[in-house]
């Protein structure tokens, strides 16, 4: 059973997230998070990069746990052009 306390949160330290969820490393790289910031929390670095911490955390959780049920449902309902 999935536990919500396993989700990535904005107050988590980037190095800890990368170690626990290695699949998030490409997301951090795409968002411009530099390794020098690995000892900072996600919210602080997101703010410094002009990003929404909510959007960053959502992207990280998708990378770590896969798409949400709603996203899976919507993907199945898309029509091809």
PDB file of N, CA and C in Angstrom:
ATOM      1  N   UNK A   1       0.843  -1.180   0.000  1.00  0.00           N
ATOM      2  CA  UNK A   1       0.000   0.000   0.000  1.00  0.00           C
ATOM      3  C   UNK A   1       0.891   1.248   0.000  1.00  0.00           C
ATOM      4  N   UNK A   2       0.517   2.218  -0.807  1.00  0.00           N
ATOM      5  CA  UNK A   2       1.267   3.463  -0.913  1.00  0.00           C
ATOM      6  C   UNK A   2       1.023   4.344   0.310  1.00  0.00           C
ATOM      7  N   UNK A   3       2.096   4.911   0.819  1.00  0.00           N
ATOM      8  CA  UNK A   3       1.981   5.800   1.974  1.00  0.00           C
ATOM      9  C   UNK A   3       2.394   7.208   1.556  1.00  0.00           C
ATOM     10  N   UNK A   4       1.562   8.176   1.897  1.00  0.00           N
ATOM     11  CA  UNK A   4       1.819   9.552   1.502  1.00  0.00           C
ATOM     12  C   UNK A   4       3.069  10.130   2.153  1.00  0.00           C
ATOM     13  N   UNK A   5       3.488   9.572   3.280  1.00  0.00           N
ATOM     14  CA  UNK A   5       4.698  10.086   3.912  1.00  0.00           C
ATOM     15  C   UNK A   5       5.961   9.693   3.137  1.00  0.00           C
ATOM     16  N   UNK A   6       5.807   8.897   2.080  1.00  0.00           N
ATOM     17  CA  UNK A   6       6.934   8.537   1.222  1.00  0.00           C
ATOM     18  C   UNK A   6       7.140   9.550   0.099  1.00  0.00           C
ATOM     19  N   UNK A   7       6.174  10.420  -0.125  1.00  0.00           N
ATOM     20  CA  UNK A   7       6.271  11.403  -1.199  1.00  0.00           C
ATOM     21  C   UNK A   7       7.397  12.400  -0.961  1.00  0.00           C
ATOM     22  N   UNK A   8       7.923  12.916  -2.046  1.00  0.00           N
ATOM     23  CA  UNK A   8       8.926  13.972  -1.985  1.00  0.00           C
ATOM     24  C   UNK A   8       8.211  15.262  -1.623  1.00  0.00           C
ATOM     25  N   UNK A   9       8.794  16.016  -0.684  1.00  0.00           N
ATOM     26  CA  UNK A   9       8.210  17.280  -0.235  1.00  0.00           C
ATOM     27  C   UNK A   9       9.185  18.422  -0.503  1.00  0.00           C
ATOM     28  N   UNK A  10       8.671  19.622  -0.522  1.00  0.00           N
ATOM     29  CA  UNK A  10       9.491  20.795  -0.844  1.00  0.00           C
ATOM     30  C   UNK A  10      10.540  21.118   0.210  1.00  0.00           C
ATOM     31  N   UNK A  11      10.376  20.615   1.427  1.00  0.00           N
ATOM     32  CA  UNK A  11      11.350  20.903   2.480  1.00  0.00           C
ATOM     33  C   UNK A  11      12.475  19.873   2.548  1.00  0.00           C
ATOM     34  N   UNK A  12      12.470  18.908   1.626  1.00  0.00           N
ATOM     35  CA  UNK A  12      13.495  17.860   1.643  1.00  0.00           C
ATOM     36  C   UNK A  12      14.803  18.376   1.028  1.00  0.00           C
ATOM     37  N   UNK A  13      15.914  17.838   1.524  1.00  0.00           N
ATOM     38  CA  UNK A  13      17.238  18.195   1.020  1.00  0.00           C
ATOM     39  C   UNK A  13      17.468  17.447  -0.298  1.00  0.00           C
ATOM     40  N   UNK A  14      17.969  18.173  -1.285  1.00  0.00           N
ATOM     41  CA  UNK A  14      18.122  17.630  -2.633  1.00  0.00           C
ATOM     42  C   UNK A  14      19.004  16.382  -2.638  1.00  0.00           C
ATOM     43  N   UNK A  15      20.123  16.409  -1.919  1.00  0.00           N
ATOM     44  CA  UNK A  15      21.024  15.247  -1.886  1.00  0.00           C
ATOM     45  C   UNK A  15      20.280  13.999  -1.374  1.00  0.00           C
ATOM     46  N   UNK A  16      19.447  14.165  -0.369  1.00  0.00           N
ATOM     47  CA  UNK A  16      18.688  13.040   0.178  1.00  0.00           C
ATOM     48  C   UNK A  16      17.708  12.480  -0.852  1.00  0.00           C
ATOM     49  N   UNK A  17      17.068  13.375  -1.584  1.00  0.00           N
ATOM     50  CA  UNK A  17      16.110  12.945  -2.612  1.00  0.00           C
ATOM     51  C   UNK A  17      16.838  12.179  -3.710  1.00  0.00           C
ATOM     52  N   UNK A  18      17.983  12.700  -4.150  1.00  0.00           N
ATOM     53  CA  UNK A  18      18.745  12.032  -5.205  1.00  0.00           C
ATOM     54  C   UNK A  18      19.226  10.651  -4.768  1.00  0.00           C
ATOM     55  N   UNK A  19      19.626  10.526  -3.528  1.00  0.00           N
ATOM     56  CA  UNK A  19      20.092   9.233  -3.034  1.00  0.00           C
ATOM     57  C   UNK A  19      18.948   8.238  -2.888  1.00  0.00           C
ATOM     58  N   UNK A  20      17.829   8.701  -2.394  1.00  0.00           N
ATOM     59  CA  UNK A  20      16.692   7.803  -2.169  1.00  0.00           C
ATOM     60  C   UNK A  20      15.952   7.475  -3.460  1.00  0.00           C
ATOM     61  N   UNK A  21      15.908   8.451  -4.383  1.00  0.00           N
ATOM     62  CA  UNK A  21      15.192   8.282  -5.651  1.00  0.00           C
ATOM     63  C   UNK A  21      16.110   8.685  -6.806  1.00  0.00           C
ATOM     64  N   UNK A  22      17.042   7.827  -7.216  1.00  0.00           N
ATOM     65  CA  UNK A  22      17.998   8.181  -8.272  1.00  0.00           C
ATOM     66  C   UNK A  22      17.334   8.559  -9.599  1.00  0.00           C
ATOM     67  N   UNK A  23      16.114   8.097  -9.817  1.00  0.00           N
ATOM     68  CA  UNK A  23      15.406   8.418 -11.057  1.00  0.00           C
ATOM     69  C   UNK A  23      15.016   9.902 -11.133  1.00  0.00           C
ATOM     70  N   UNK A  24      15.201  10.663 -10.039  1.00  0.00           N
ATOM     71  CA  UNK A  24      14.886  12.096 -10.047  1.00  0.00           C
ATOM     72  C   UNK A  24      16.057  12.946 -10.542  1.00  0.00           C
ATOM     73  N   UNK A  25      17.244  12.368 -10.628  1.00  0.00           N
ATOM     74  CA  UNK A  25      18.435  13.141 -11.017  1.00  0.00           C
ATOM     75  C   UNK A  25      18.225  13.851 -12.360  1.00  0.00           C
ATOM     76  N   UNK A  26      17.709  13.175 -13.406  1.00  0.00           N
ATOM     77  CA  UNK A  26      17.485  13.891 -14.673  1.00  0.00           C
ATOM     78  C   UNK A  26      16.517  15.071 -14.537  1.00  0.00           C
ATOM     79  N   UNK A  27      15.534  14.960 -13.655  1.00  0.00           N
ATOM     80  CA  UNK A  27      14.583  16.059 -13.450  1.00  0.00           C
ATOM     81  C   UNK A  27      15.314  17.266 -12.865  1.00  0.00           C
ATOM     82  N   UNK A  28      16.131  17.025 -11.849  1.00  0.00           N
ATOM     83  CA  UNK A  28      16.910  18.122 -11.268  1.00  0.00           C
ATOM     84  C   UNK A  28      17.791  18.779 -12.333  1.00  0.00           C
ATOM     85  N   UNK A  29      18.421  17.964 -13.179  1.00  0.00           N
ATOM     86  CA  UNK A  29      19.300  18.493 -14.226  1.00  0.00           C
ATOM     87  C   UNK A  29      18.511  19.320 -15.240  1.00  0.00           C
ATOM     88  N   UNK A  30      17.354  18.819 -15.671  1.00  0.00           N
ATOM     89  CA  UNK A  30      16.515  19.540 -16.637  1.00  0.00           C
ATOM     90  C   UNK A  30      16.051  20.886 -16.087  1.00  0.00           C
ATOM     91  N   UNK A  31      15.822  20.947 -14.786  1.00  0.00           N
ATOM     92  CA  UNK A  31      15.334  22.176 -14.155  1.00  0.00           C
ATOM     93  C   UNK A  31      16.466  23.142 -13.803  1.00  0.00           C
ATOM     94  N   UNK A  32      17.707  22.748 -14.060  1.00  0.00           N
ATOM     95  CA  UNK A  32      18.839  23.636 -13.825  1.00  0.00           C
ATOM     96  C   UNK A  32      19.346  23.646 -12.399  1.00  0.00           C
ATOM     97  N   UNK A  33      19.007  22.633 -11.611  1.00  0.00           N
ATOM     98  CA  UNK A  33      19.521  22.531 -10.247  1.00  0.00           C
ATOM     99  C   UNK A  33      20.966  22.060 -10.327  1.00  0.00           C
ATOM    100  N   UNK A  34      21.898  22.860  -9.827  1.00  0.00           N
ATOM    101  CA  UNK A  34      23.318  22.518  -9.876  1.00  0.00           C
ATOM    102  C   UNK A  34      23.711  21.688  -8.664  1.00  0.00           C
ATOM    103  N   UNK A  35      24.781  20.898  -8.813  1.00  0.00           N
ATOM    104  CA  UNK A  35      25.227  20.030  -7.721  1.00  0.00           C
ATOM    105  C   UNK A  35      25.649  20.825  -6.495  1.00  0.00           C
ATOM    106  N   UNK A  36      26.105  22.051  -6.682  1.00  0.00           N
ATOM    107  CA  UNK A  36      26.517  22.867  -5.543  1.00  0.00           C
ATOM    108  C   UNK A  36      25.345  23.129  -4.597  1.00  0.00           C
ATOM    109  N   UNK A  37      24.131  22.976  -5.106  1.00  0.00           N
ATOM    110  CA  UNK A  37      22.926  23.216  -4.314  1.00  0.00           C
ATOM    111  C   UNK A  37      22.379  21.955  -3.655  1.00  0.00           C
ATOM    112  N   UNK A  38      23.081  20.839  -3.761  1.00  0.00           N
ATOM    113  CA  UNK A  38      22.558  19.568  -3.253  1.00  0.00           C
ATOM    114  C   UNK A  38      22.307  19.558  -1.747  1.00  0.00           C
ATOM    115  N   UNK A  39      22.934  20.445  -0.997  1.00  0.00           N
ATOM    116  CA  UNK A  39      22.721  20.480   0.452  1.00  0.00           C
ATOM    117  C   UNK A  39      21.618  21.457   0.860  1.00  0.00           C
ATOM    118  N   UNK A  40      20.903  21.979  -0.121  1.00  0.00           N
ATOM    119  CA  UNK A  40      19.792  22.908   0.137  1.00  0.00           C
ATOM    120  C   UNK A  40      18.472  22.162  -0.008  1.00  0.00           C
ATOM    121  N   UNK A  41      17.398  22.791   0.474  1.00  0.00           N
ATOM    122  CA  UNK A  41      16.086  22.174   0.306  1.00  0.00           C
ATOM    123  C   UNK A  41      15.515  22.546  -1.066  1.00  0.00           C
ATOM    124  N   UNK A  42      14.588  21.755  -1.530  1.00  0.00           N
ATOM    125  CA  UNK A  42      14.007  21.914  -2.862  1.00  0.00           C
ATOM    126  C   UNK A  42      13.363  23.289  -3.030  1.00  0.00           C
ATOM    127  N   UNK A  43      12.613  23.728  -2.042  1.00  0.00           N
ATOM    128  CA  UNK A  43      11.887  24.997  -2.151  1.00  0.00           C
ATOM    129  C   UNK A  43      12.840  26.182  -2.348  1.00  0.00           C
ATOM    130  N   UNK A  44      13.923  26.213  -1.592  1.00  0.00           N
ATOM    131  CA  UNK A  44      14.871  27.328  -1.689  1.00  0.00           C
ATOM    132  C   UNK A  44      15.492  27.399  -3.077  1.00  0.00           C
ATOM    133  N   UNK A  45      15.934  26.257  -3.592  1.00  0.00           N
ATOM    134  CA  UNK A  45      16.588  26.246  -4.904  1.00  0.00           C
ATOM    135  C   UNK A  45      15.573  26.539  -6.005  1.00  0.00           C
ATOM    136  N   UNK A  46      14.368  26.029  -5.880  1.00  0.00           N
ATOM    137  CA  UNK A  46      13.330  26.322  -6.868  1.00  0.00           C
ATOM    138  C   UNK A  46      13.075  27.822  -6.917  1.00  0.00           C
ATOM    139  N   UNK A  47      12.934  28.437  -5.764  1.00  0.00           N
ATOM    140  CA  UNK A  47      12.682  29.875  -5.699  1.00  0.00           C
ATOM    141  C   UNK A  47      13.835  30.655  -6.334  1.00  0.00           C
ATOM    142  N   UNK A  48      15.073  30.253  -6.045  1.00  0.00           N
ATOM    143  CA  UNK A  48      16.243  30.937  -6.609  1.00  0.00           C
ATOM    144  C   UNK A  48      16.309  30.790  -8.125  1.00  0.00           C
ATOM    145  N   UNK A  49      15.749  29.702  -8.639  1.00  0.00           N
ATOM    146  CA  UNK A  49      15.737  29.474 -10.083  1.00  0.00           C
ATOM    147  C   UNK A  49      14.466  30.017 -10.742  1.00  0.00           C
ATOM    148  N   UNK A  50      13.611  30.671  -9.963  1.00  0.00           N
ATOM    149  CA  UNK A  50      12.383  31.246 -10.511  1.00  0.00           C
ATOM    150  C   UNK A  50      11.324  30.215 -10.841  1.00  0.00           C
ATOM    151  N   UNK A  51      11.364  29.089 -10.154  1.00  0.00           N
ATOM    152  CA  UNK A  51      10.411  28.009 -10.408  1.00  0.00           C
ATOM    153  C   UNK A  51       9.424  27.866  -9.256  1.00  0.00           C
ATOM    154  N   UNK A  52       8.283  27.324  -9.555  1.00  0.00           N
ATOM    155  CA  UNK A  52       7.290  27.020  -8.531  1.00  0.00           C
ATOM    156  C   UNK A  52       7.710  25.731  -7.823  1.00  0.00           C
ATOM    157  N   UNK A  53       7.823  25.780  -6.511  1.00  0.00           N
ATOM    158  CA  UNK A  53       8.215  24.574  -5.773  1.00  0.00           C
ATOM    159  C   UNK A  53       7.161  23.483  -5.919  1.00  0.00           C
ATOM    160  N   UNK A  54       5.914  23.861  -6.078  1.00  0.00           N
ATOM    161  CA  UNK A  54       4.842  22.871  -6.279  1.00  0.00           C
ATOM    162  C   UNK A  54       5.064  22.115  -7.583  1.00  0.00           C
ATOM    163  N   UNK A  55       5.383  22.846  -8.652  1.00  0.00           N
ATOM    164  CA  UNK A  55       5.632  22.205  -9.943  1.00  0.00           C
ATOM    165  C   UNK A  55       6.859  21.300  -9.896  1.00  0.00           C
ATOM    166  N   UNK A  56       7.907  21.760  -9.206  1.00  0.00           N
ATOM    167  CA  UNK A  56       9.129  20.971  -9.080  1.00  0.00           C
ATOM    168  C   UNK A  56       8.840  19.680  -8.327  1.00  0.00           C
ATOM    169  N   UNK A  57       8.156  19.785  -7.204  1.00  0.00           N
ATOM    170  CA  UNK A  57       7.842  18.603  -6.399  1.00  0.00           C
ATOM    171  C   UNK A  57       6.942  17.646  -7.179  1.00  0.00           C
ATOM    172  N   UNK A  58       5.991  18.174  -7.936  1.00  0.00           N
ATOM    173  CA  UNK A  58       5.133  17.309  -8.764  1.00  0.00           C
ATOM    174  C   UNK A  58       5.965  16.534  -9.780  1.00  0.00           C
ATOM    175  N   UNK A  59       6.894  17.216 -10.444  1.00  0.00           N
ATOM    176  CA  UNK A  59       7.748  16.563 -11.444  1.00  0.00           C
ATOM    177  C   UNK A  59       8.625  15.495 -10.792  1.00  0.00           C
ATOM    178  N   UNK A  60       9.145  15.794  -9.616  1.00  0.00           N
ATOM    179  CA  UNK A  60       9.992  14.827  -8.917  1.00  0.00           C
ATOM    180  C   UNK A  60       9.197  13.604  -8.486  1.00  0.00           C
ATOM    181  N   UNK A  61       7.988  13.813  -7.973  1.00  0.00           N
ATOM    182  CA  UNK A  61       7.153  12.684  -7.560  1.00  0.00           C
ATOM    183  C   UNK A  61       6.719  11.837  -8.753  1.00  0.00           C
ATOM    184  N   UNK A  62       6.467  12.466  -9.892  1.00  0.00           N
ATOM    185  CA  UNK A  62       6.140  11.695 -11.101  1.00  0.00           C
ATOM    186  C   UNK A  62       7.326  10.829 -11.513  1.00  0.00           C
ATOM    187  N   UNK A  63       8.537  11.391 -11.425  1.00  0.00           N
ATOM    188  CA  UNK A  63       9.736  10.628 -11.785  1.00  0.00           C
ATOM    189  C   UNK A  63       9.954   9.473 -10.808  1.00  0.00           C
ATOM    190  N   UNK A  64       9.711   9.726  -9.538  1.00  0.00           N
ATOM    191  CA  UNK A  64       9.965   8.715  -8.509  1.00  0.00           C
ATOM    192  C   UNK A  64       8.895   7.636  -8.459  1.00  0.00           C
ATOM    193  N   UNK A  65       7.636   8.019  -8.652  1.00  0.00           N
ATOM    194  CA  UNK A  65       6.528   7.083  -8.439  1.00  0.00           C
ATOM    195  C   UNK A  65       5.675   6.820  -9.668  1.00  0.00           C
ATOM    196  N   UNK A  66       5.945   7.485 -10.778  1.00  0.00           N
ATOM    197  CA  UNK A  66       5.137   7.317 -11.968  1.00  0.00           C
ATOM    198  C   UNK A  66       3.996   8.310 -11.982  1.00  0.00           C
ATOM    199  N   UNK A  67       3.246   8.342 -13.083  1.00  0.00           N
ATOM    200  CA  UNK A  67       2.127   9.282 -13.192  1.00  0.00           C
ATOM    201  C   UNK A  67       1.022   8.958 -12.192  1.00  0.00           C
ATOM    202  N   UNK A  68       0.254   9.988 -11.869  1.00  0.00           N
ATOM    203  CA  UNK A  68      -0.865   9.791 -10.952  1.00  0.00           C
ATOM    204  C   UNK A  68      -1.963   9.004 -11.647  1.00  0.00           C
ATOM    205  N   UNK A  69      -2.898   8.518 -10.898  1.00  0.00           N
ATOM    206  CA  UNK A  69      -4.019   7.774 -11.466  1.00  0.00           C
ATOM    207  C   UNK A  69      -4.772   8.634 -12.461  1.00  0.00           C
ATOM    208  N   UNK A  70      -4.966   9.912 -12.145  1.00  0.00           N
ATOM    209  CA  UNK A  70      -5.666  10.819 -13.040  1.00  0.00           C
ATOM    210  C   UNK A  70      -4.914  10.969 -14.356  1.00  0.00           C
ATOM    211  N   UNK A  71      -3.591  11.095 -14.292  1.00  0.00           N
ATOM    212  CA  UNK A  71      -2.788  11.224 -15.509  1.00  0.00           C
ATOM    213  C   UNK A  71      -2.868   9.947 -16.344  1.00  0.00           C
ATOM    214  N   UNK A  72      -2.876   8.785 -15.677  1.00  0.00           N
ATOM    215  CA  UNK A  72      -3.007   7.524 -16.399  1.00  0.00           C
ATOM    216  C   UNK A  72      -4.353   7.445 -17.110  1.00  0.00           C
ATOM    217  N   UNK A  73      -5.422   7.860 -16.406  1.00  0.00           N
ATOM    218  CA  UNK A  73      -6.754   7.838 -17.003  1.00  0.00           C
ATOM    219  C   UNK A  73      -6.827   8.767 -18.202  1.00  0.00           C
ATOM    220  N   UNK A  74      -6.267   9.947 -18.087  1.00  0.00           N
ATOM    221  CA  UNK A  74      -6.291  10.919 -19.177  1.00  0.00           C
ATOM    222  C   UNK A  74      -5.466  10.427 -20.364  1.00  0.00           C
ATOM    223  N   UNK A  75      -4.374   9.740 -20.119  1.00  0.00           N
ATOM    224  CA  UNK A  75      -3.532   9.237 -21.197  1.00  0.00           C
ATOM    225  C   UNK A  75      -4.300   8.189 -22.017  1.00  0.00           C
ATOM    226  N   UNK A  76      -5.115   7.410 -21.365  1.00  0.00           N
ATOM    227  CA  UNK A  76      -5.889   6.400 -22.063  1.00  0.00           C
ATOM    228  C   UNK A  76      -7.043   6.980 -22.843  1.00  0.00           C
ATOM    229  N   UNK A  77      -7.458   8.198 -22.521  1.00  0.00           N
ATOM    230  CA  UNK A  77      -8.600   8.828 -23.183  1.00  0.00           C
ATOM    231  C   UNK A  77      -8.213   9.788 -24.295  1.00  0.00           C
ATOM    232  N   UNK A  78      -6.919   9.923 -24.589  1.00  0.00           N
ATOM    233  CA  UNK A  78      -6.487  10.853 -25.613  1.00  0.00           C
ATOM    234  C   UNK A  78      -6.796  10.286 -26.984  1.00  0.00           C
ATOM    235  N   UNK A  79      -7.158  11.173 -27.908  1.00  0.00           N
ATOM    236  CA  UNK A  79      -7.419  10.771 -29.266  1.00  0.00           C
ATOM    237  C   UNK A  79      -6.228  11.123 -30.131  1.00  0.00           C
ATOM    238  N   UNK A  80      -5.954  10.302 -31.098  1.00  0.00           N
ATOM    239  CA  UNK A  80      -4.847  10.557 -32.011  1.00  0.00           C
ATOM    240  C   UNK A  80      -5.311  11.464 -33.136  1.00  0.00           C
ATOM    241  N   UNK A  81      -4.429  12.350 -33.603  1.00  0.00           N
ATOM    242  CA  UNK A  81      -4.818  13.260 -34.690  1.00  0.00           C
ATOM    243  C   UNK A  81      -4.989  12.539 -35.991  1.00  0.00           C
TER     244      UNK A  81
END
